[in-house]
Amino acid sequence: MMNGGGMGGMGLMWIFGLLMLVGVIVLIVVLVKALSGRSPNTVGHDNNRGPVTGPGRARQILEERYARGELSTEEYRERLRILEGDSR
């Protein structure tokens, strides 16, 4: 024979399980959005105006390569001089 407290406990467990499921789904959605969002330092994009193109982007690539050590100082200066000559 069942007492009156049996069904109350069962209903609370069902509600708790449903709340846990909703919480896990919300957590997954938040994590996916956080991990798939674009980094503010995305290469090739100015944060305010979209993709950087033209001479500005060429100079940015040159500066990045020089900073990584892919170019010597002489190579950097020569290529920079050529870029500045093309933009005038």
Protein backbone atom coordinates (compact mmCIF):
# COMPACT_ATOMS: atom_id res chain seq x y z
CA MET A 1 0.00 0.00 0.00
CA MET A 2 1.34 3.47 -0.94
CA ASN A 3 1.36 6.40 1.37
CA GLY A 4 0.65 9.98 0.15
CA GLY A 5 4.32 11.04 0.19
CA GLY A 6 5.32 8.57 -2.54
CA MET A 7 3.78 10.46 -5.47
CA GLY A 8 5.05 13.85 -4.22
CA GLY A 9 8.64 12.61 -4.21
CA MET A 10 8.24 11.09 -7.68
CA GLY A 11 6.91 14.38 -9.07
CA LEU A 12 9.80 16.34 -7.57
CA MET A 13 12.32 13.95 -9.11
CA TRP A 14 10.68 14.35 -12.52
CA ILE A 15 10.81 18.17 -12.28
CA PHE A 16 14.43 18.08 -11.06
CA GLY A 17 15.42 15.84 -13.98
CA LEU A 18 13.74 18.16 -16.46
CA LEU A 19 15.51 21.20 -14.98
CA MET A 20 18.84 19.40 -15.17
CA LEU A 21 18.25 18.55 -18.85
CA VAL A 22 17.39 22.18 -19.66
CA GLY A 23 20.49 23.34 -17.77
CA VAL A 24 22.77 20.99 -19.71
CA ILE A 25 21.29 22.12 -23.04
CA VAL A 26 21.77 25.80 -22.11
CA LEU A 27 25.36 25.08 -21.07
CA ILE A 28 26.10 23.33 -24.37
CA VAL A 29 24.64 26.22 -26.38
CA VAL A 30 26.70 28.78 -24.45
CA LEU A 31 29.90 26.76 -24.89
CA VAL A 32 29.34 26.29 -28.62
CA LYS A 33 28.76 30.02 -29.11
CA ALA A 34 31.80 30.92 -27.04
CA LEU A 35 34.11 28.50 -28.83
CA SER A 36 32.88 29.21 -32.36
CA GLY A 37 32.97 32.99 -32.04
CA ARG A 38 35.56 34.88 -34.07
CA SER A 39 38.63 36.12 -32.32
CA PRO A 40 39.02 39.90 -32.16
CA ASN A 41 42.53 39.44 -33.59
CA THR A 42 41.39 37.57 -36.69
CA VAL A 43 44.01 38.02 -39.39
CA GLY A 44 42.83 40.04 -42.36
CA HIS A 45 39.99 41.85 -40.68
CA ASP A 46 39.76 45.30 -39.23
CA ASN A 47 37.38 44.99 -36.28
CA ASN A 48 35.22 47.88 -37.51
CA ARG A 49 35.27 47.83 -41.29
CA GLY A 50 35.46 44.25 -42.57
CA PRO A 51 38.34 42.72 -44.56
CA VAL A 52 41.49 44.76 -44.99
CA THR A 53 42.58 44.80 -48.64
CA GLY A 54 44.93 46.65 -50.91
CA PRO A 55 48.21 48.30 -49.89
CA GLY A 56 47.22 48.41 -46.21
CA ARG A 57 46.88 44.64 -46.07
CA ALA A 58 50.11 44.14 -48.01
CA ARG A 59 51.98 46.30 -45.52
CA GLN A 60 50.36 44.42 -42.62
CA ILE A 61 51.51 41.08 -44.05
CA LEU A 62 55.02 42.49 -44.55
CA GLU A 63 55.13 43.70 -40.94
CA GLU A 64 53.89 40.31 -39.67
CA ARG A 65 56.55 38.43 -41.67
CA TYR A 66 59.26 40.78 -40.40
CA ALA A 67 58.04 40.35 -36.81
CA ARG A 68 58.16 36.55 -37.18
CA GLY A 69 61.74 36.78 -38.44
CA GLU A 70 60.96 35.54 -41.95
CA LEU A 71 62.56 38.65 -43.47
CA SER A 72 65.86 40.36 -42.73
CA THR A 73 65.91 44.07 -42.07
CA GLU A 74 67.26 44.72 -45.56
CA GLU A 75 64.53 42.62 -47.20
CA TYR A 76 61.87 44.36 -45.10
CA ARG A 77 63.09 47.83 -46.02
CA GLU A 78 63.37 46.96 -49.73
CA ARG A 79 59.88 45.51 -49.89
CA LEU A 80 58.45 48.38 -47.87
CA ARG A 81 60.08 50.86 -50.27
CA ILE A 82 58.52 49.00 -53.21
CA LEU A 83 55.07 48.99 -51.54
CA GLU A 84 55.23 52.69 -50.75
CA GLY A 85 56.36 53.39 -54.33
CA ASP A 86 53.36 51.45 -55.71
CA SER A 87 50.86 53.27 -53.55
CA ARG A 88 51.94 56.73 -54.72
